[in-house]
Amino acid sequence: MNKPLSTLLKTVVASATVALSLAAQAQVTGDVKAGESKAAMCIGCHGIPGYQNSFPEIHKVPKISGQTAQYIAASLVAYQRGDRKHPTMRGIAGSLSEQDIADLAAFYAQHNGDVKAPEAPSRAPNAIVAALLERGACASCHGANFSSPIDPSYPKIGGQYADYLYVALKSYQVQGNPIIGRSNPIMGGIVAQYSLQELRQMANYLGSIEGELATRPQPRFRR
């Protein structure tokens, strides 16, 4: 069934607004050292390997060290706008200025050093998962190794925690919930094709391959 014109217009306007927000953010230069000093609010979750979040279900908080700066910035802007609805992250993102976001993004983008994923995953998916990934054209956006996104505002997903990937993918299927869900026209359309079992199969595979992401411990107290 085709979407009503009003819905399509809302989608276009929302997408354009996000693009403008990200364009404005791109004009701000991030400072790695400043980002390190501002990361104290992030350490309690993203600086503890294996740390788990219990909302909306138990899962590991994502690895963000080594993620692209543009994706980190885009994610924080999405939380500010309410396109991502996780209450804790919305509260944190809402307290950040454009400069804060740029500094944090710059810091975490280099926080895992120069780790490079292999050009192709060393572990190939089974036939079922390969077909699921092909259906969503996942490699066309995230790269053949799932760590080389074609647009730097897209995430690296190879080697990310599988349970986080599953929760994140499911969130794009949520409709009309004020505290759970993510609004993204592209991902929403892609994820709608899958059952929860299929999303879990893809997440398990993507989480099992080598990537460029890590959860790196950080000291709580600095000189």
Protein backbone atom coordinates (compact mmCIF):
# COMPACT_ATOMS: atom_id res chain seq x y z
CA MET A 1 0.00 0.00 0.00
CA ASN A 2 1.32 3.44 -0.89
CA LYS A 3 1.96 5.89 1.91
CA PRO A 4 -0.43 8.86 2.14
CA LEU A 5 0.92 12.09 0.64
CA SER A 6 0.98 13.74 4.07
CA THR A 7 3.21 10.97 5.42
CA LEU A 8 5.57 11.23 2.46
CA LEU A 9 5.79 15.00 2.88
CA LYS A 10 6.58 14.61 6.58
CA THR A 11 9.33 12.13 5.71
CA VAL A 12 10.85 14.48 3.13
CA VAL A 13 10.74 17.45 5.49
CA ALA A 14 12.23 15.44 8.35
CA SER A 15 15.01 14.12 6.15
CA ALA A 16 15.82 17.59 4.86
CA THR A 17 15.88 19.00 8.38
CA VAL A 18 18.26 16.30 9.55
CA ALA A 19 20.50 16.95 6.55
CA LEU A 20 20.63 20.65 7.39
CA SER A 21 21.44 19.87 11.03
CA LEU A 22 24.28 17.59 10.00
CA ALA A 23 25.55 20.14 7.48
CA ALA A 24 25.70 22.74 10.25
CA GLN A 25 27.43 20.25 12.52
CA ALA A 26 30.03 19.57 9.81
CA GLN A 27 31.11 23.21 9.97
CA VAL A 28 32.28 22.73 13.56
CA THR A 29 35.79 21.35 13.93
CA GLY A 30 36.24 18.80 16.68
CA ASP A 31 39.18 18.82 19.06
CA VAL A 32 40.40 15.41 20.26
CA LYS A 33 41.91 16.69 23.50
CA ALA A 34 38.79 18.64 24.35
CA GLY A 35 36.70 15.58 23.56
CA GLU A 36 38.74 13.49 25.97
CA SER A 37 38.01 15.94 28.78
CA LYS A 38 34.29 15.93 27.92
CA ALA A 39 33.99 12.14 27.74
CA ALA A 40 33.50 11.75 31.51
CA MET A 41 29.74 11.45 30.95
CA CYS A 42 30.36 8.61 28.46
CA ILE A 43 32.87 6.54 30.45
CA GLY A 44 30.34 4.97 32.80
CA CYS A 45 28.77 3.01 29.95
CA HIS A 46 31.02 3.16 26.88
CA GLY A 47 34.29 2.84 28.81
CA ILE A 48 33.54 -0.49 30.50
CA PRO A 49 34.01 -3.60 28.30
CA GLY A 50 30.92 -5.79 28.37
CA TYR A 51 28.82 -3.24 30.28
CA GLN A 52 25.12 -3.93 29.80
CA ASN A 53 22.11 -1.69 29.45
CA SER A 54 18.75 -2.95 30.72
CA PHE A 55 16.52 -0.74 28.55
CA PRO A 56 14.49 -1.63 26.57
CA GLU A 57 16.00 -5.08 27.19
CA ILE A 58 19.35 -6.31 28.47
CA HIS A 59 22.10 -5.79 25.92
CA LYS A 60 25.67 -4.53 25.80
CA VAL A 61 26.10 -0.82 25.17
CA PRO A 62 27.68 -0.29 21.75
CA LYS A 63 31.36 -0.09 21.00
CA ILE A 64 32.05 3.47 19.88
CA SER A 65 35.86 3.73 19.99
CA GLY A 66 36.93 3.63 16.34
CA GLN A 67 33.50 4.58 14.97
CA THR A 68 33.43 7.36 12.38
CA ALA A 69 33.25 10.88 13.76
CA GLN A 70 30.43 11.75 11.39
CA TYR A 71 28.33 8.82 12.56
CA ILE A 72 28.85 9.64 16.23
CA ALA A 73 27.82 13.22 15.55
CA ALA A 74 24.80 12.13 13.49
CA SER A 75 23.69 9.77 16.26
CA LEU A 76 23.89 12.45 18.94
CA VAL A 77 21.96 14.87 16.74
CA ALA A 78 19.30 12.17 16.20
CA TYR A 79 18.94 11.78 19.99
CA GLN A 80 18.66 15.55 20.37
CA ARG A 81 15.90 15.69 17.78
CA GLY A 82 14.05 12.69 19.16
CA ASP A 83 14.60 10.58 16.06
CA ARG A 84 16.24 8.18 18.49
CA LYS A 85 14.17 7.86 21.63
CA HIS A 86 16.34 6.18 24.26
CA PRO A 87 15.61 8.36 27.35
CA THR A 88 19.12 8.27 28.84
CA MET A 89 20.85 9.09 25.58
CA ARG A 90 18.31 11.80 24.80
CA GLY A 91 19.05 13.42 28.16
CA ILE A 92 22.80 13.31 27.57
CA ALA A 93 22.64 14.48 23.96
CA GLY A 94 20.28 17.28 24.89
CA SER A 95 22.92 18.75 27.17
CA LEU A 96 25.53 18.98 24.41
CA SER A 97 26.42 21.93 22.22
CA GLU A 98 27.48 21.55 18.59
CA GLN A 99 31.09 21.99 19.74
CA ASP A 100 30.69 19.33 22.42
CA ILE A 101 29.36 16.87 19.83
CA ALA A 102 32.21 17.63 17.43
CA ASP A 103 34.82 17.22 20.17
CA LEU A 104 33.40 13.92 21.44
CA ALA A 105 33.08 12.58 17.90
CA ALA A 106 36.69 13.50 17.11
CA PHE A 107 37.92 11.86 20.32
CA TYR A 108 36.10 8.55 19.89
CA ALA A 109 36.91 8.32 16.16
CA GLN A 110 40.61 8.01 17.01
CA HIS A 111 40.21 6.19 20.32
CA ASN A 112 40.91 2.72 18.91
CA GLY A 113 44.03 3.77 17.04
CA ASP A 114 44.67 2.67 13.48
CA VAL A 115 42.92 -0.71 13.65
CA LYS A 116 41.84 -1.80 10.16
CA ALA A 117 39.35 -4.51 9.34
CA PRO A 118 40.26 -6.98 6.57
CA GLU A 119 38.96 -6.06 3.13
CA ALA A 120 36.51 -8.96 3.32
CA PRO A 121 35.24 -10.79 6.39
CA SER A 122 37.47 -13.72 7.27
CA ARG A 123 34.35 -15.67 8.20
CA ALA A 124 31.77 -15.93 5.44
CA PRO A 125 28.08 -16.03 6.37
CA ASN A 126 26.09 -19.20 5.87
CA ALA A 127 23.73 -19.33 2.92
CA ILE A 128 20.71 -18.15 4.91
CA VAL A 129 22.46 -15.12 6.41
CA ALA A 130 24.11 -14.29 3.09
CA ALA A 131 20.67 -14.14 1.48
CA LEU A 132 19.33 -11.93 4.29
CA LEU A 133 22.25 -9.50 3.94
CA GLU A 134 21.79 -9.46 0.18
CA ARG A 135 18.08 -8.72 0.55
CA GLY A 136 18.84 -5.60 2.54
CA ALA A 137 21.80 -4.62 0.34
CA CYS A 138 23.73 -4.18 3.60
CA ALA A 139 27.19 -4.27 2.01
CA SER A 140 26.24 -1.54 -0.47
CA CYS A 141 26.00 0.95 2.42
CA HIS A 142 28.29 -0.49 5.10
CA GLY A 143 31.01 -1.89 2.83
CA ALA A 144 31.99 -5.41 1.83
CA ASN A 145 33.67 -5.86 5.22
CA PHE A 146 30.86 -3.98 7.02
CA SER A 147 33.49 -1.55 8.34
CA SER A 148 33.80 0.72 5.29
CA PRO A 149 30.54 2.68 5.00
CA ILE A 150 30.04 4.52 1.73
CA ASP A 151 28.94 7.59 3.68
CA PRO A 152 30.88 8.49 6.85
CA SER A 153 27.61 9.28 8.62
CA TYR A 154 26.69 5.58 8.30
CA PRO A 155 28.02 3.28 11.03
CA LYS A 156 30.68 0.62 10.97
CA ILE A 157 28.80 -2.50 12.06
CA GLY A 158 31.34 -5.32 11.64
CA GLY A 159 32.36 -6.66 15.03
CA GLN A 160 29.80 -4.58 16.93
CA TYR A 161 28.14 -6.35 19.87
CA ALA A 162 25.56 -8.71 18.38
CA ASP A 163 22.94 -8.11 21.06
CA TYR A 164 23.22 -4.33 20.57
CA LEU A 165 22.87 -4.70 16.79
CA TYR A 166 19.74 -6.79 17.29
CA VAL A 167 18.15 -4.22 19.62
CA ALA A 168 19.14 -1.37 17.29
CA LEU A 169 17.69 -3.08 14.23
CA LYS A 170 14.45 -3.91 16.04
CA SER A 171 14.09 -0.28 17.10
CA TYR A 172 13.53 0.77 13.49
CA GLN A 173 10.39 -1.40 13.43
CA VAL A 174 8.81 0.34 16.44
CA GLN A 175 5.95 2.72 15.67
CA GLY A 176 4.24 5.24 17.93
CA ASN A 177 6.18 4.53 21.12
CA PRO A 178 7.36 7.72 22.88
CA ILE A 179 10.40 6.15 24.59
CA ILE A 180 11.46 3.28 22.29
CA GLY A 181 12.33 3.34 18.63
CA ARG A 182 14.29 5.08 15.92
CA SER A 183 13.02 7.10 12.99
CA ASN A 184 15.04 6.76 9.80
CA PRO A 185 13.28 6.42 6.44
CA ILE A 186 16.02 4.30 4.87
CA MET A 187 16.59 1.91 7.76
CA GLY A 188 12.89 1.75 8.54
CA GLY A 189 12.13 0.54 5.03
CA ILE A 190 14.94 -2.00 5.04
CA VAL A 191 14.26 -3.50 8.48
CA ALA A 192 10.53 -3.82 7.78
CA GLN A 193 11.35 -6.73 5.45
CA TYR A 194 12.62 -8.96 8.25
CA SER A 195 11.27 -11.08 11.06
CA LEU A 196 12.84 -10.78 14.50
CA GLN A 197 14.51 -14.16 14.01
CA GLU A 198 16.08 -12.93 10.77
CA LEU A 199 17.31 -9.73 12.42
CA ARG A 200 18.94 -11.80 15.15
CA GLN A 201 20.63 -14.07 12.60
CA MET A 202 22.15 -11.07 10.82
CA ALA A 203 23.18 -9.42 14.08
CA ASN A 204 24.87 -12.60 15.29
CA TYR A 205 26.89 -12.88 12.11
CA LEU A 206 27.90 -9.20 11.98
CA GLY A 207 28.94 -9.35 15.61
CA SER A 208 31.17 -12.35 14.95
CA ILE A 209 33.44 -10.85 12.30
CA GLU A 210 36.51 -8.69 12.69
CA GLY A 211 35.92 -4.97 12.78
CA GLU A 212 37.44 -1.65 13.77
CA LEU A 213 35.39 -0.97 16.89
CA ALA A 214 36.24 -1.47 20.54
CA THR A 215 35.15 -0.64 24.05
CA ARG A 216 38.31 0.83 25.51
CA PRO A 217 38.54 1.40 29.26
CA GLN A 218 39.14 5.01 30.25
CA PRO A 219 40.27 6.37 33.62
CA ARG A 220 37.57 8.05 35.63
CA PHE A 221 40.02 10.45 37.17
CA ARG A 222 42.53 12.43 35.16
CA ARG A 223 45.24 14.85 36.11
